[in-house]
Amino acid sequence: MPGSRSHAKRRCQVLVNLQLRLRERFALSSTFEEQLALAAADAVGPLRAAAAVLLWLESGEHVAPREALRRIADQTGAGAALAAITEARESGGVPTAGATATLVGALELATLMAARAERLR
């Protein structure tokens, strides 16, 4: 695919930046459950966009961002993390899994996706 290396590089950079932002939010807000849950919920947009591009680069298939993230979460064993992130996003509060676990799940998902993007380079 023309330009796929540059797309992979950009997606990898987006995911690394997301990891840094999530780590920063964790460090600054670890005692504030609602802020941690909000940080995890805010990560959904970039994760979805990155997932859609990642699947396109890997297979050439165009997948809607929400579906792409679900597929990658299922493939990587991060389905529970995605469910907690989704719950935080939809409820606007702390999910059943807990805010810390939800933020850590978002961070792990971003890390797994960055590793996949890195392999495409």
PDB file of N, CA and C in Angstrom:
ATOM      1  N   MET A   1       0.833  -1.168   0.000  1.00  0.00           N
ATOM      2  CA  MET A   1       0.000   0.000   0.000  1.00  0.00           C
ATOM      3  C   MET A   1       0.884   1.240   0.000  1.00  0.00           C
ATOM      4  N   PRO A   2       0.652   2.149  -0.910  1.00  0.00           N
ATOM      5  CA  PRO A   2       1.459   3.355  -0.949  1.00  0.00           C
ATOM      6  C   PRO A   2       1.291   4.152   0.344  1.00  0.00           C
ATOM      7  N   GLY A   3       2.407   4.577   0.878  1.00  0.00           N
ATOM      8  CA  GLY A   3       2.368   5.406   2.070  1.00  0.00           C
ATOM      9  C   GLY A   3       2.063   4.658   3.352  1.00  0.00           C
ATOM     10  N   SER A   4       2.001   3.331   3.287  1.00  0.00           N
ATOM     11  CA  SER A   4       1.618   2.594   4.493  1.00  0.00           C
ATOM     12  C   SER A   4       2.669   2.724   5.589  1.00  0.00           C
ATOM     13  N   ARG A   5       3.924   2.849   5.201  1.00  0.00           N
ATOM     14  CA  ARG A   5       4.964   3.042   6.220  1.00  0.00           C
ATOM     15  C   ARG A   5       4.756   4.363   6.957  1.00  0.00           C
ATOM     16  N   SER A   6       4.422   5.408   6.211  1.00  0.00           N
ATOM     17  CA  SER A   6       4.218   6.702   6.866  1.00  0.00           C
ATOM     18  C   SER A   6       2.953   6.682   7.729  1.00  0.00           C
ATOM     19  N   HIS A   7       1.911   5.977   7.268  1.00  0.00           N
ATOM     20  CA  HIS A   7       0.695   5.845   8.088  1.00  0.00           C
ATOM     21  C   HIS A   7       1.015   5.090   9.379  1.00  0.00           C
ATOM     22  N   ALA A   8       1.785   4.017   9.254  1.00  0.00           N
ATOM     23  CA  ALA A   8       2.153   3.230  10.428  1.00  0.00           C
ATOM     24  C   ALA A   8       2.968   4.072  11.397  1.00  0.00           C
ATOM     25  N   LYS A   9       3.879   4.852  10.859  1.00  0.00           N
ATOM     26  CA  LYS A   9       4.716   5.698  11.701  1.00  0.00           C
ATOM     27  C   LYS A   9       3.865   6.737  12.433  1.00  0.00           C
ATOM     28  N   ARG A  10       2.922   7.372  11.723  1.00  0.00           N
ATOM     29  CA  ARG A  10       2.058   8.375  12.354  1.00  0.00           C
ATOM     30  C   ARG A  10       1.172   7.739  13.422  1.00  0.00           C
ATOM     31  N   ARG A  11       0.571   6.581  13.122  1.00  0.00           N
ATOM     32  CA  ARG A  11      -0.295   5.910  14.098  1.00  0.00           C
ATOM     33  C   ARG A  11       0.508   5.490  15.312  1.00  0.00           C
ATOM     34  N   CYS A  12       1.717   5.024  15.077  1.00  0.00           N
ATOM     35  CA  CYS A  12       2.572   4.627  16.196  1.00  0.00           C
ATOM     36  C   CYS A  12       2.854   5.841  17.072  1.00  0.00           C
ATOM     37  N   GLN A  13       3.138   6.993  16.457  1.00  0.00           N
ATOM     38  CA  GLN A  13       3.408   8.205  17.217  1.00  0.00           C
ATOM     39  C   GLN A  13       2.173   8.659  17.986  1.00  0.00           C
ATOM     40  N   VAL A  14       0.999   8.572  17.362  1.00  0.00           N
ATOM     41  CA  VAL A  14      -0.251   8.928  18.045  1.00  0.00           C
ATOM     42  C   VAL A  14      -0.439   8.045  19.276  1.00  0.00           C
ATOM     43  N   LEU A  15      -0.175   6.768  19.138  1.00  0.00           N
ATOM     44  CA  LEU A  15      -0.360   5.842  20.257  1.00  0.00           C
ATOM     45  C   LEU A  15       0.671   6.071  21.358  1.00  0.00           C
ATOM     46  N   VAL A  16       1.900   6.390  20.983  1.00  0.00           N
ATOM     47  CA  VAL A  16       2.924   6.690  21.988  1.00  0.00           C
ATOM     48  C   VAL A  16       2.535   7.967  22.744  1.00  0.00           C
ATOM     49  N   ASN A  17       2.068   8.975  22.022  1.00  0.00           N
ATOM     50  CA  ASN A  17       1.618  10.204  22.673  1.00  0.00           C
ATOM     51  C   ASN A  17       0.448   9.931  23.620  1.00  0.00           C
ATOM     52  N   LEU A  18      -0.471   9.077  23.185  1.00  0.00           N
ATOM     53  CA  LEU A  18      -1.603   8.713  24.039  1.00  0.00           C
ATOM     54  C   LEU A  18      -1.118   8.009  25.303  1.00  0.00           C
ATOM     55  N   GLN A  19      -0.156   7.118  25.153  1.00  0.00           N
ATOM     56  CA  GLN A  19       0.397   6.435  26.325  1.00  0.00           C
ATOM     57  C   GLN A  19       0.975   7.447  27.312  1.00  0.00           C
ATOM     58  N   LEU A  20       1.708   8.416  26.785  1.00  0.00           N
ATOM     59  CA  LEU A  20       2.305   9.437  27.659  1.00  0.00           C
ATOM     60  C   LEU A  20       1.237  10.269  28.366  1.00  0.00           C
ATOM     61  N   ARG A  21       0.192  10.650  27.625  1.00  0.00           N
ATOM     62  CA  ARG A  21      -0.890  11.434  28.244  1.00  0.00           C
ATOM     63  C   ARG A  21      -1.597  10.632  29.330  1.00  0.00           C
ATOM     64  N   LEU A  22      -1.842   9.347  29.071  1.00  0.00           N
ATOM     65  CA  LEU A  22      -2.515   8.510  30.072  1.00  0.00           C
ATOM     66  C   LEU A  22      -1.641   8.316  31.309  1.00  0.00           C
ATOM     67  N   ARG A  23      -0.357   8.121  31.109  1.00  0.00           N
ATOM     68  CA  ARG A  23       0.555   7.976  32.251  1.00  0.00           C
ATOM     69  C   ARG A  23       0.592   9.271  33.078  1.00  0.00           C
ATOM     70  N   GLU A  24       0.610  10.403  32.371  1.00  0.00           N
ATOM     71  CA  GLU A  24       0.608  11.682  33.065  1.00  0.00           C
ATOM     72  C   GLU A  24      -0.670  11.852  33.884  1.00  0.00           C
ATOM     73  N   ARG A  25      -1.818  11.557  33.270  1.00  0.00           N
ATOM     74  CA  ARG A  25      -3.101  11.683  33.984  1.00  0.00           C
ATOM     75  C   ARG A  25      -3.121  10.764  35.200  1.00  0.00           C
ATOM     76  N   PHE A  26      -2.561   9.568  35.067  1.00  0.00           N
ATOM     77  CA  PHE A  26      -2.525   8.644  36.194  1.00  0.00           C
ATOM     78  C   PHE A  26      -1.674   9.228  37.320  1.00  0.00           C
ATOM     79  N   ALA A  27      -0.516   9.764  36.967  1.00  0.00           N
ATOM     80  CA  ALA A  27       0.380  10.324  37.977  1.00  0.00           C
ATOM     81  C   ALA A  27      -0.250  11.519  38.685  1.00  0.00           C
ATOM     82  N   LEU A  28      -0.951  12.351  37.930  1.00  0.00           N
ATOM     83  CA  LEU A  28      -1.524  13.569  38.500  1.00  0.00           C
ATOM     84  C   LEU A  28      -2.864  13.351  39.194  1.00  0.00           C
ATOM     85  N   SER A  29      -3.588  12.308  38.807  1.00  0.00           N
ATOM     86  CA  SER A  29      -4.963  12.145  39.284  1.00  0.00           C
ATOM     87  C   SER A  29      -5.225  10.822  39.985  1.00  0.00           C
ATOM     88  N   SER A  30      -4.196  10.121  40.393  1.00  0.00           N
ATOM     89  CA  SER A  30      -4.403   8.766  40.905  1.00  0.00           C
ATOM     90  C   SER A  30      -5.309   8.707  42.132  1.00  0.00           C
ATOM     91  N   THR A  31      -5.461   9.795  42.847  1.00  0.00           N
ATOM     92  CA  THR A  31      -6.340   9.774  44.020  1.00  0.00           C
ATOM     93  C   THR A  31      -7.762  10.241  43.692  1.00  0.00           C
ATOM     94  N   PHE A  32      -7.989  10.635  42.451  1.00  0.00           N
ATOM     95  CA  PHE A  32      -9.304  11.133  42.037  1.00  0.00           C
ATOM     96  C   PHE A  32      -9.924  10.159  41.036  1.00  0.00           C
ATOM     97  N   GLU A  33     -10.734   9.248  41.538  1.00  0.00           N
ATOM     98  CA  GLU A  33     -11.321   8.184  40.725  1.00  0.00           C
ATOM     99  C   GLU A  33     -12.053   8.710  39.484  1.00  0.00           C
ATOM    100  N   GLU A  34     -12.850   9.742  39.650  1.00  0.00           N
ATOM    101  CA  GLU A  34     -13.640  10.262  38.527  1.00  0.00           C
ATOM    102  C   GLU A  34     -12.741  10.784  37.414  1.00  0.00           C
ATOM    103  N   GLN A  35     -11.627  11.426  37.783  1.00  0.00           N
ATOM    104  CA  GLN A  35     -10.708  11.949  36.780  1.00  0.00           C
ATOM    105  C   GLN A  35     -10.004  10.829  36.036  1.00  0.00           C
ATOM    106  N   LEU A  36      -9.684   9.756  36.721  1.00  0.00           N
ATOM    107  CA  LEU A  36      -9.065   8.600  36.057  1.00  0.00           C
ATOM    108  C   LEU A  36     -10.037   7.982  35.062  1.00  0.00           C
ATOM    109  N   ALA A  37     -11.291   7.822  35.486  1.00  0.00           N
ATOM    110  CA  ALA A  37     -12.305   7.244  34.601  1.00  0.00           C
ATOM    111  C   ALA A  37     -12.513   8.135  33.380  1.00  0.00           C
ATOM    112  N   LEU A  38     -12.538   9.441  33.585  1.00  0.00           N
ATOM    113  CA  LEU A  38     -12.699  10.378  32.472  1.00  0.00           C
ATOM    114  C   LEU A  38     -11.513  10.292  31.511  1.00  0.00           C
ATOM    115  N   ALA A  39     -10.314  10.166  32.037  1.00  0.00           N
ATOM    116  CA  ALA A  39      -9.127  10.039  31.183  1.00  0.00           C
ATOM    117  C   ALA A  39      -9.221   8.784  30.314  1.00  0.00           C
ATOM    118  N   ALA A  40      -9.667   7.682  30.907  1.00  0.00           N
ATOM    119  CA  ALA A  40      -9.824   6.447  30.136  1.00  0.00           C
ATOM    120  C   ALA A  40     -10.903   6.614  29.071  1.00  0.00           C
ATOM    121  N   ALA A  41     -12.004   7.245  29.436  1.00  0.00           N
ATOM    122  CA  ALA A  41     -13.092   7.465  28.475  1.00  0.00           C
ATOM    123  C   ALA A  41     -12.635   8.365  27.336  1.00  0.00           C
ATOM    124  N   ASP A  42     -11.840   9.377  27.637  1.00  0.00           N
ATOM    125  CA  ASP A  42     -11.338  10.299  26.614  1.00  0.00           C
ATOM    126  C   ASP A  42     -10.387   9.615  25.636  1.00  0.00           C
ATOM    127  N   ALA A  43      -9.803   8.507  26.044  1.00  0.00           N
ATOM    128  CA  ALA A  43      -8.856   7.789  25.182  1.00  0.00           C
ATOM    129  C   ALA A  43      -9.548   7.027  24.057  1.00  0.00           C
ATOM    130  N   VAL A  44     -10.858   6.845  24.153  1.00  0.00           N
ATOM    131  CA  VAL A  44     -11.571   6.024  23.171  1.00  0.00           C
ATOM    132  C   VAL A  44     -11.441   6.563  21.749  1.00  0.00           C
ATOM    133  N   GLY A  45     -11.591   7.860  21.570  1.00  0.00           N
ATOM    134  CA  GLY A  45     -11.519   8.433  20.219  1.00  0.00           C
ATOM    135  C   GLY A  45     -10.199   8.123  19.523  1.00  0.00           C
ATOM    136  N   PRO A  46      -9.065   8.482  20.132  1.00  0.00           N
ATOM    137  CA  PRO A  46      -7.785   8.156  19.506  1.00  0.00           C
ATOM    138  C   PRO A  46      -7.552   6.650  19.336  1.00  0.00           C
ATOM    139  N   LEU A  47      -8.022   5.852  20.301  1.00  0.00           N
ATOM    140  CA  LEU A  47      -7.867   4.398  20.170  1.00  0.00           C
ATOM    141  C   LEU A  47      -8.671   3.865  18.988  1.00  0.00           C
ATOM    142  N   ARG A  48      -9.888   4.348  18.830  1.00  0.00           N
ATOM    143  CA  ARG A  48     -10.717   3.907  17.704  1.00  0.00           C
ATOM    144  C   ARG A  48     -10.086   4.282  16.374  1.00  0.00           C
ATOM    145  N   ALA A  49      -9.660   5.528  16.253  1.00  0.00           N
ATOM    146  CA  ALA A  49      -9.053   5.982  14.993  1.00  0.00           C
ATOM    147  C   ALA A  49      -7.804   5.182  14.668  1.00  0.00           C
ATOM    148  N   ALA A  50      -6.969   4.960  15.673  1.00  0.00           N
ATOM    149  CA  ALA A  50      -5.751   4.195  15.463  1.00  0.00           C
ATOM    150  C   ALA A  50      -6.069   2.745  15.084  1.00  0.00           C
ATOM    151  N   ALA A  51      -7.078   2.175  15.713  1.00  0.00           N
ATOM    152  CA  ALA A  51      -7.457   0.792  15.418  1.00  0.00           C
ATOM    153  C   ALA A  51      -7.922   0.646  13.970  1.00  0.00           C
ATOM    154  N   ALA A  52      -8.711   1.601  13.491  1.00  0.00           N
ATOM    155  CA  ALA A  52      -9.203   1.546  12.111  1.00  0.00           C
ATOM    156  C   ALA A  52      -8.051   1.610  11.116  1.00  0.00           C
ATOM    157  N   VAL A  53      -7.119   2.508  11.362  1.00  0.00           N
ATOM    158  CA  VAL A  53      -5.964   2.624  10.459  1.00  0.00           C
ATOM    159  C   VAL A  53      -5.084   1.387  10.560  1.00  0.00           C
ATOM    160  N   LEU A  54      -4.899   0.880  11.765  1.00  0.00           N
ATOM    161  CA  LEU A  54      -4.070  -0.302  11.959  1.00  0.00           C
ATOM    162  C   LEU A  54      -4.626  -1.508  11.193  1.00  0.00           C
ATOM    163  N   LEU A  55      -5.924  -1.739  11.294  1.00  0.00           N
ATOM    164  CA  LEU A  55      -6.519  -2.860  10.547  1.00  0.00           C
ATOM    165  C   LEU A  55      -6.415  -2.637   9.045  1.00  0.00           C
ATOM    166  N   TRP A  56      -6.578  -1.390   8.600  1.00  0.00           N
ATOM    167  CA  TRP A  56      -6.443  -1.091   7.175  1.00  0.00           C
ATOM    168  C   TRP A  56      -5.017  -1.370   6.698  1.00  0.00           C
ATOM    169  N   LEU A  57      -4.025  -0.978   7.504  1.00  0.00           N
ATOM    170  CA  LEU A  57      -2.639  -1.212   7.124  1.00  0.00           C
ATOM    171  C   LEU A  57      -2.299  -2.703   7.128  1.00  0.00           C
ATOM    172  N   GLU A  58      -2.869  -3.432   8.053  1.00  0.00           N
ATOM    173  CA  GLU A  58      -2.569  -4.861   8.157  1.00  0.00           C
ATOM    174  C   GLU A  58      -3.251  -5.673   7.065  1.00  0.00           C
ATOM    175  N   SER A  59      -4.497  -5.325   6.728  1.00  0.00           N
ATOM    176  CA  SER A  59      -5.272  -6.188   5.838  1.00  0.00           C
ATOM    177  C   SER A  59      -5.836  -5.498   4.607  1.00  0.00           C
ATOM    178  N   GLY A  60      -5.796  -4.184   4.578  1.00  0.00           N
ATOM    179  CA  GLY A  60      -6.413  -3.455   3.476  1.00  0.00           C
ATOM    180  C   GLY A  60      -7.913  -3.299   3.636  1.00  0.00           C
ATOM    181  N   GLU A  61      -8.447  -3.823   4.713  1.00  0.00           N
ATOM    182  CA  GLU A  61      -9.890  -3.769   4.970  1.00  0.00           C
ATOM    183  C   GLU A  61     -10.254  -2.465   5.670  1.00  0.00           C
ATOM    184  N   HIS A  62     -11.294  -1.815   5.174  1.00  0.00           N
ATOM    185  CA  HIS A  62     -11.804  -0.610   5.829  1.00  0.00           C
ATOM    186  C   HIS A  62     -12.866  -1.030   6.844  1.00  0.00           C
ATOM    187  N   VAL A  63     -12.602  -0.725   8.102  1.00  0.00           N
ATOM    188  CA  VAL A  63     -13.494  -1.092   9.204  1.00  0.00           C
ATOM    189  C   VAL A  63     -13.832   0.186   9.968  1.00  0.00           C
ATOM    190  N   ALA A  64     -15.085   0.310  10.349  1.00  0.00           N
ATOM    191  CA  ALA A  64     -15.497   1.468  11.158  1.00  0.00           C
ATOM    192  C   ALA A  64     -14.664   1.505  12.439  1.00  0.00           C
ATOM    193  N   PRO A  65     -14.287   2.697  12.881  1.00  0.00           N
ATOM    194  CA  PRO A  65     -13.405   2.802  14.052  1.00  0.00           C
ATOM    195  C   PRO A  65     -13.895   2.061  15.301  1.00  0.00           C
ATOM    196  N   ARG A  66     -15.173   2.146  15.621  1.00  0.00           N
ATOM    197  CA  ARG A  66     -15.695   1.448  16.809  1.00  0.00           C
ATOM    198  C   ARG A  66     -15.509  -0.063  16.675  1.00  0.00           C
ATOM    199  N   GLU A  67     -15.849  -0.601  15.511  1.00  0.00           N
ATOM    200  CA  GLU A  67     -15.703  -2.033  15.254  1.00  0.00           C
ATOM    201  C   GLU A  67     -14.229  -2.441  15.240  1.00  0.00           C
ATOM    202  N   ALA A  68     -13.389  -1.591  14.674  1.00  0.00           N
ATOM    203  CA  ALA A  68     -11.952  -1.894  14.613  1.00  0.00           C
ATOM    204  C   ALA A  68     -11.375  -2.028  16.015  1.00  0.00           C
ATOM    205  N   LEU A  69     -11.749  -1.118  16.900  1.00  0.00           N
ATOM    206  CA  LEU A  69     -11.240  -1.190  18.277  1.00  0.00           C
ATOM    207  C   LEU A  69     -11.767  -2.437  18.974  1.00  0.00           C
ATOM    208  N   ARG A  70     -13.024  -2.770  18.750  1.00  0.00           N
ATOM    209  CA  ARG A  70     -13.575  -3.991  19.347  1.00  0.00           C
ATOM    210  C   ARG A  70     -12.815  -5.216  18.871  1.00  0.00           C
ATOM    211  N   ARG A  71     -12.534  -5.272  17.570  1.00  0.00           N
ATOM    212  CA  ARG A  71     -11.791  -6.427  17.019  1.00  0.00           C
ATOM    213  C   ARG A  71     -10.402  -6.538  17.633  1.00  0.00           C
ATOM    214  N   ILE A  72      -9.709  -5.415  17.700  1.00  0.00           N
ATOM    215  CA  ILE A  72      -8.350  -5.447  18.254  1.00  0.00           C
ATOM    216  C   ILE A  72      -8.391  -5.813  19.734  1.00  0.00           C
ATOM    217  N   ALA A  73      -9.346  -5.281  20.463  1.00  0.00           N
ATOM    218  CA  ALA A  73      -9.473  -5.636  21.882  1.00  0.00           C
ATOM    219  C   ALA A  73      -9.723  -7.136  22.026  1.00  0.00           C
ATOM    220  N   ASP A  74     -10.581  -7.689  21.188  1.00  0.00           N
ATOM    221  CA  ASP A  74     -10.851  -9.132  21.239  1.00  0.00           C
ATOM    222  C   ASP A  74      -9.605  -9.939  20.874  1.00  0.00           C
ATOM    223  N   GLN A  75      -8.887  -9.497  19.852  1.00  0.00           N
ATOM    224  CA  GLN A  75      -7.691 -10.213  19.391  1.00  0.00           C
ATOM    225  C   GLN A  75      -6.576 -10.207  20.434  1.00  0.00           C
ATOM    226  N   THR A  76      -6.505  -9.146  21.205  1.00  0.00           N
ATOM    227  CA  THR A  76      -5.407  -8.991  22.166  1.00  0.00           C
ATOM    228  C   THR A  76      -5.788  -9.394  23.584  1.00  0.00           C
ATOM    229  N   GLY A  77      -7.015  -9.845  23.774  1.00  0.00           N
ATOM    230  CA  GLY A  77      -7.456 -10.229  25.108  1.00  0.00           C
ATOM    231  C   GLY A  77      -7.795  -9.039  25.988  1.00  0.00           C
ATOM    232  N   ALA A  78      -8.055  -7.884  25.362  1.00  0.00           N
ATOM    233  CA  ALA A  78      -8.358  -6.667  26.114  1.00  0.00           C
ATOM    234  C   ALA A  78      -9.843  -6.322  26.082  1.00  0.00           C
ATOM    235  N   GLY A  79     -10.684  -7.320  25.849  1.00  0.00           N
ATOM    236  CA  GLY A  79     -12.124  -7.091  25.780  1.00  0.00           C
ATOM    237  C   GLY A  79     -12.701  -6.524  27.070  1.00  0.00           C
ATOM    238  N   ALA A  80     -12.227  -7.018  28.216  1.00  0.00           N
ATOM    239  CA  ALA A  80     -12.720  -6.515  29.504  1.00  0.00           C
ATOM    240  C   ALA A  80     -12.295  -5.060  29.706  1.00  0.00           C
ATOM    241  N   ALA A  81     -11.087  -4.726  29.286  1.00  0.00           N
ATOM    242  CA  ALA A  81     -10.620  -3.340  29.401  1.00  0.00           C
ATOM    243  C   ALA A  81     -11.482  -2.422  28.548  1.00  0.00           C
ATOM    244  N   LEU A  82     -11.781  -2.851  27.326  1.00  0.00           N
ATOM    245  CA  LEU A  82     -12.621  -2.037  26.449  1.00  0.00           C
ATOM    246  C   LEU A  82     -14.026  -1.888  27.033  1.00  0.00           C
ATOM    247  N   ALA A  83     -14.547  -2.945  27.619  1.00  0.00           N
ATOM    248  CA  ALA A  83     -15.881  -2.863  28.231  1.00  0.00           C
ATOM    249  C   ALA A  83     -15.889  -1.842  29.367  1.00  0.00           C
ATOM    250  N   ALA A  84     -14.838  -1.814  30.178  1.00  0.00           N
ATOM    251  CA  ALA A  84     -14.761  -0.856  31.280  1.00  0.00           C
ATOM    252  C   ALA A  84     -14.625   0.571  30.750  1.00  0.00           C
ATOM    253  N   ILE A  85     -13.817   0.752  29.709  1.00  0.00           N
ATOM    254  CA  ILE A  85     -13.647   2.076  29.102  1.00  0.00           C
ATOM    255  C   ILE A  85     -14.985   2.554  28.535  1.00  0.00           C
ATOM    256  N   THR A  86     -15.686   1.655  27.867  1.00  0.00           N
ATOM    257  CA  THR A  86     -16.994   1.991  27.295  1.00  0.00           C
ATOM    258  C   THR A  86     -17.982   2.361  28.394  1.00  0.00           C
ATOM    259  N   GLU A  87     -17.972   1.599  29.491  1.00  0.00           N
ATOM    260  CA  GLU A  87     -18.864   1.905  30.609  1.00  0.00           C
ATOM    261  C   GLU A  87     -18.561   3.295  31.182  1.00  0.00           C
ATOM    262  N   ALA A  88     -17.282   3.621  31.317  1.00  0.00           N
ATOM    263  CA  ALA A  88     -16.897   4.948  31.823  1.00  0.00           C
ATOM    264  C   ALA A  88     -17.362   6.039  30.877  1.00  0.00           C
ATOM    265  N   ARG A  89     -17.224   5.792  29.595  1.00  0.00           N
ATOM    266  CA  ARG A  89     -17.620   6.789  28.597  1.00  0.00           C
ATOM    267  C   ARG A  89     -19.137   6.993  28.600  1.00  0.00           C
ATOM    268  N   GLU A  90     -19.881   5.905  28.645  1.00  0.00           N
ATOM    269  CA  GLU A  90     -21.339   5.993  28.563  1.00  0.00           C
ATOM    270  C   GLU A  90     -21.974   6.501  29.856  1.00  0.00           C
ATOM    271  N   SER A  91     -21.397   6.143  30.994  1.00  0.00           N
ATOM    272  CA  SER A  91     -21.995   6.540  32.270  1.00  0.00           C
ATOM    273  C   SER A  91     -21.480   7.886  32.766  1.00  0.00           C
ATOM    274  N   GLY A  92     -20.281   8.249  32.327  1.00  0.00           N
ATOM    275  CA  GLY A  92     -19.678   9.475  32.817  1.00  0.00           C
ATOM    276  C   GLY A  92     -19.159   9.350  34.235  1.00  0.00           C
ATOM    277  N   GLY A  93     -19.115   8.119  34.727  1.00  0.00           N
ATOM    278  CA  GLY A  93     -18.653   7.889  36.098  1.00  0.00           C
ATOM    279  C   GLY A  93     -17.627   6.782  36.154  1.00  0.00           C
ATOM    280  N   VAL A  94     -17.399   6.314  37.352  1.00  0.00           N
ATOM    281  CA  VAL A  94     -16.423   5.256  37.586  1.00  0.00           C
ATOM    282  C   VAL A  94     -17.063   3.915  37.237  1.00  0.00           C
ATOM    283  N   PRO A  95     -16.450   3.143  36.345  1.00  0.00           N
ATOM    284  CA  PRO A  95     -17.026   1.847  35.966  1.00  0.00           C
ATOM    285  C   PRO A  95     -16.885   0.811  37.080  1.00  0.00           C
ATOM    286  N   THR A  96     -17.609  -0.267  36.932  1.00  0.00           N
ATOM    287  CA  THR A  96     -17.600  -1.349  37.915  1.00  0.00           C
ATOM    288  C   THR A  96     -16.197  -1.887  38.159  1.00  0.00           C
ATOM    289  N   ALA A  97     -15.384  -1.939  37.111  1.00  0.00           N
ATOM    290  CA  ALA A  97     -14.022  -2.469  37.231  1.00  0.00           C
ATOM    291  C   ALA A  97     -13.121  -1.573  38.072  1.00  0.00           C
ATOM    292  N   GLY A  98     -13.537  -0.345  38.298  1.00  0.00           N
ATOM    293  CA  GLY A  98     -12.723   0.614  39.041  1.00  0.00           C
ATOM    294  C   GLY A  98     -11.974   1.534  38.092  1.00  0.00           C
ATOM    295  N   ALA A  99     -11.728   2.731  38.542  1.00  0.00           N
ATOM    296  CA  ALA A  99     -11.107   3.740  37.687  1.00  0.00           C
ATOM    297  C   ALA A  99      -9.655   3.412  37.352  1.00  0.00           C
ATOM    298  N   THR A 100      -8.906   2.962  38.339  1.00  0.00           N
ATOM    299  CA  THR A 100      -7.494   2.648  38.090  1.00  0.00           C
ATOM    300  C   THR A 100      -7.362   1.525  37.078  1.00  0.00           C
ATOM    301  N   ALA A 101      -8.121   0.460  37.259  1.00  0.00           N
ATOM    302  CA  ALA A 101      -8.067  -0.670  36.326  1.00  0.00           C
ATOM    303  C   ALA A 101      -8.489  -0.237  34.921  1.00  0.00           C
ATOM    304  N   THR A 102      -9.445   0.671  34.841  1.00  0.00           N
ATOM    305  CA  THR A 102      -9.922   1.138  33.544  1.00  0.00           C
ATOM    306  C   THR A 102      -8.850   1.956  32.839  1.00  0.00           C
ATOM    307  N   LEU A 103      -8.197   2.845  33.564  1.00  0.00           N
ATOM    308  CA  LEU A 103      -7.135   3.648  32.953  1.00  0.00           C
ATOM    309  C   LEU A 103      -5.958   2.762  32.563  1.00  0.00           C
ATOM    310  N   VAL A 104      -5.593   1.833  33.421  1.00  0.00           N
ATOM    311  CA  VAL A 104      -4.505   0.908  33.100  1.00  0.00           C
ATOM    312  C   VAL A 104      -4.875   0.073  31.874  1.00  0.00           C
ATOM    313  N   GLY A 105      -6.131  -0.328  31.758  1.00  0.00           N
ATOM    314  CA  GLY A 105      -6.584  -1.073  30.579  1.00  0.00           C
ATOM    315  C   GLY A 105      -6.458  -0.256  29.309  1.00  0.00           C
ATOM    316  N   ALA A 106      -6.810   1.023  29.374  1.00  0.00           N
ATOM    317  CA  ALA A 106      -6.672   1.906  28.206  1.00  0.00           C
ATOM    318  C   ALA A 106      -5.202   2.046  27.829  1.00  0.00           C
ATOM    319  N   LEU A 107      -4.356   2.178  28.815  1.00  0.00           N
ATOM    320  CA  LEU A 107      -2.917   2.290  28.580  1.00  0.00           C
ATOM    321  C   LEU A 107      -2.364   1.009  27.964  1.00  0.00           C
ATOM    322  N   GLU A 108      -2.783  -0.137  28.468  1.00  0.00           N
ATOM    323  CA  GLU A 108      -2.321  -1.414  27.927  1.00  0.00           C
ATOM    324  C   GLU A 108      -2.800  -1.608  26.493  1.00  0.00           C
ATOM    325  N   LEU A 109      -4.026  -1.211  26.216  1.00  0.00           N
ATOM    326  CA  LEU A 109      -4.554  -1.312  24.853  1.00  0.00           C
ATOM    327  C   LEU A 109      -3.748  -0.431  23.905  1.00  0.00           C
ATOM    328  N   ALA A 110      -3.448   0.781  24.313  1.00  0.00           N
ATOM    329  CA  ALA A 110      -2.631   1.678  23.494  1.00  0.00           C
ATOM    330  C   ALA A 110      -1.240   1.092  23.276  1.00  0.00           C
ATOM    331  N   THR A 111      -0.679   0.475  24.293  1.00  0.00           N
ATOM    332  CA  THR A 111       0.652  -0.124  24.198  1.00  0.00           C
ATOM    333  C   THR A 111       0.650  -1.305  23.233  1.00  0.00           C
ATOM    334  N   LEU A 112      -0.358  -2.161  23.331  1.00  0.00           N
ATOM    335  CA  LEU A 112      -0.468  -3.308  22.422  1.00  0.00           C
ATOM    336  C   LEU A 112      -0.623  -2.850  20.969  1.00  0.00           C
ATOM    337  N   MET A 113      -1.430  -1.820  20.769  1.00  0.00           N
ATOM    338  CA  MET A 113      -1.645  -1.321  19.412  1.00  0.00           C
ATOM    339  C   MET A 113      -0.380  -0.653  18.872  1.00  0.00           C
ATOM    340  N   ALA A 114       0.350   0.050  19.723  1.00  0.00           N
ATOM    341  CA  ALA A 114       1.604   0.678  19.289  1.00  0.00           C
ATOM    342  C   ALA A 114       2.609  -0.385  18.863  1.00  0.00           C
ATOM    343  N   ALA A 115       2.647  -1.485  19.591  1.00  0.00           N
ATOM    344  CA  ALA A 115       3.555  -2.577  19.226  1.00  0.00           C
ATOM    345  C   ALA A 115       3.179  -3.165  17.867  1.00  0.00           C
ATOM    346  N   ARG A 116       1.888  -3.321  17.615  1.00  0.00           N
ATOM    347  CA  ARG A 116       1.444  -3.818  16.301  1.00  0.00           C
ATOM    348  C   ARG A 116       1.801  -2.839  15.199  1.00  0.00           C
ATOM    349  N   ALA A 117       1.605  -1.558  15.459  1.00  0.00           N
ATOM    350  CA  ALA A 117       1.941  -0.545  14.457  1.00  0.00           C
ATOM    351  C   ALA A 117       3.454  -0.529  14.205  1.00  0.00           C
ATOM    352  N   GLU A 118       4.228  -0.703  15.241  1.00  0.00           N
ATOM    353  CA  GLU A 118       5.675  -0.707  15.106  1.00  0.00           C
ATOM    354  C   GLU A 118       6.143  -1.861  14.212  1.00  0.00           C
ATOM    355  N   ARG A 119       5.479  -3.003  14.316  1.00  0.00           N
ATOM    356  CA  ARG A 119       5.854  -4.156  13.470  1.00  0.00           C
ATOM    357  C   ARG A 119       5.589  -3.902  11.996  1.00  0.00           C
ATOM    358  N   LEU A 120       4.727  -2.943  11.688  1.00  0.00           N
ATOM    359  CA  LEU A 120       4.427  -2.625  10.286  1.00  0.00           C
ATOM    360  C   LEU A 120       5.474  -1.722   9.653  1.00  0.00           C
ATOM    361  N   ARG A 121       6.294  -1.113  10.454  1.00  0.00           N
ATOM    362  CA  ARG A 121       7.271  -0.144   9.937  1.00  0.00           C
ATOM    363  C   ARG A 121       8.377  -0.790   9.166  1.00  0.00           C
TER     364      ARG A 121
END
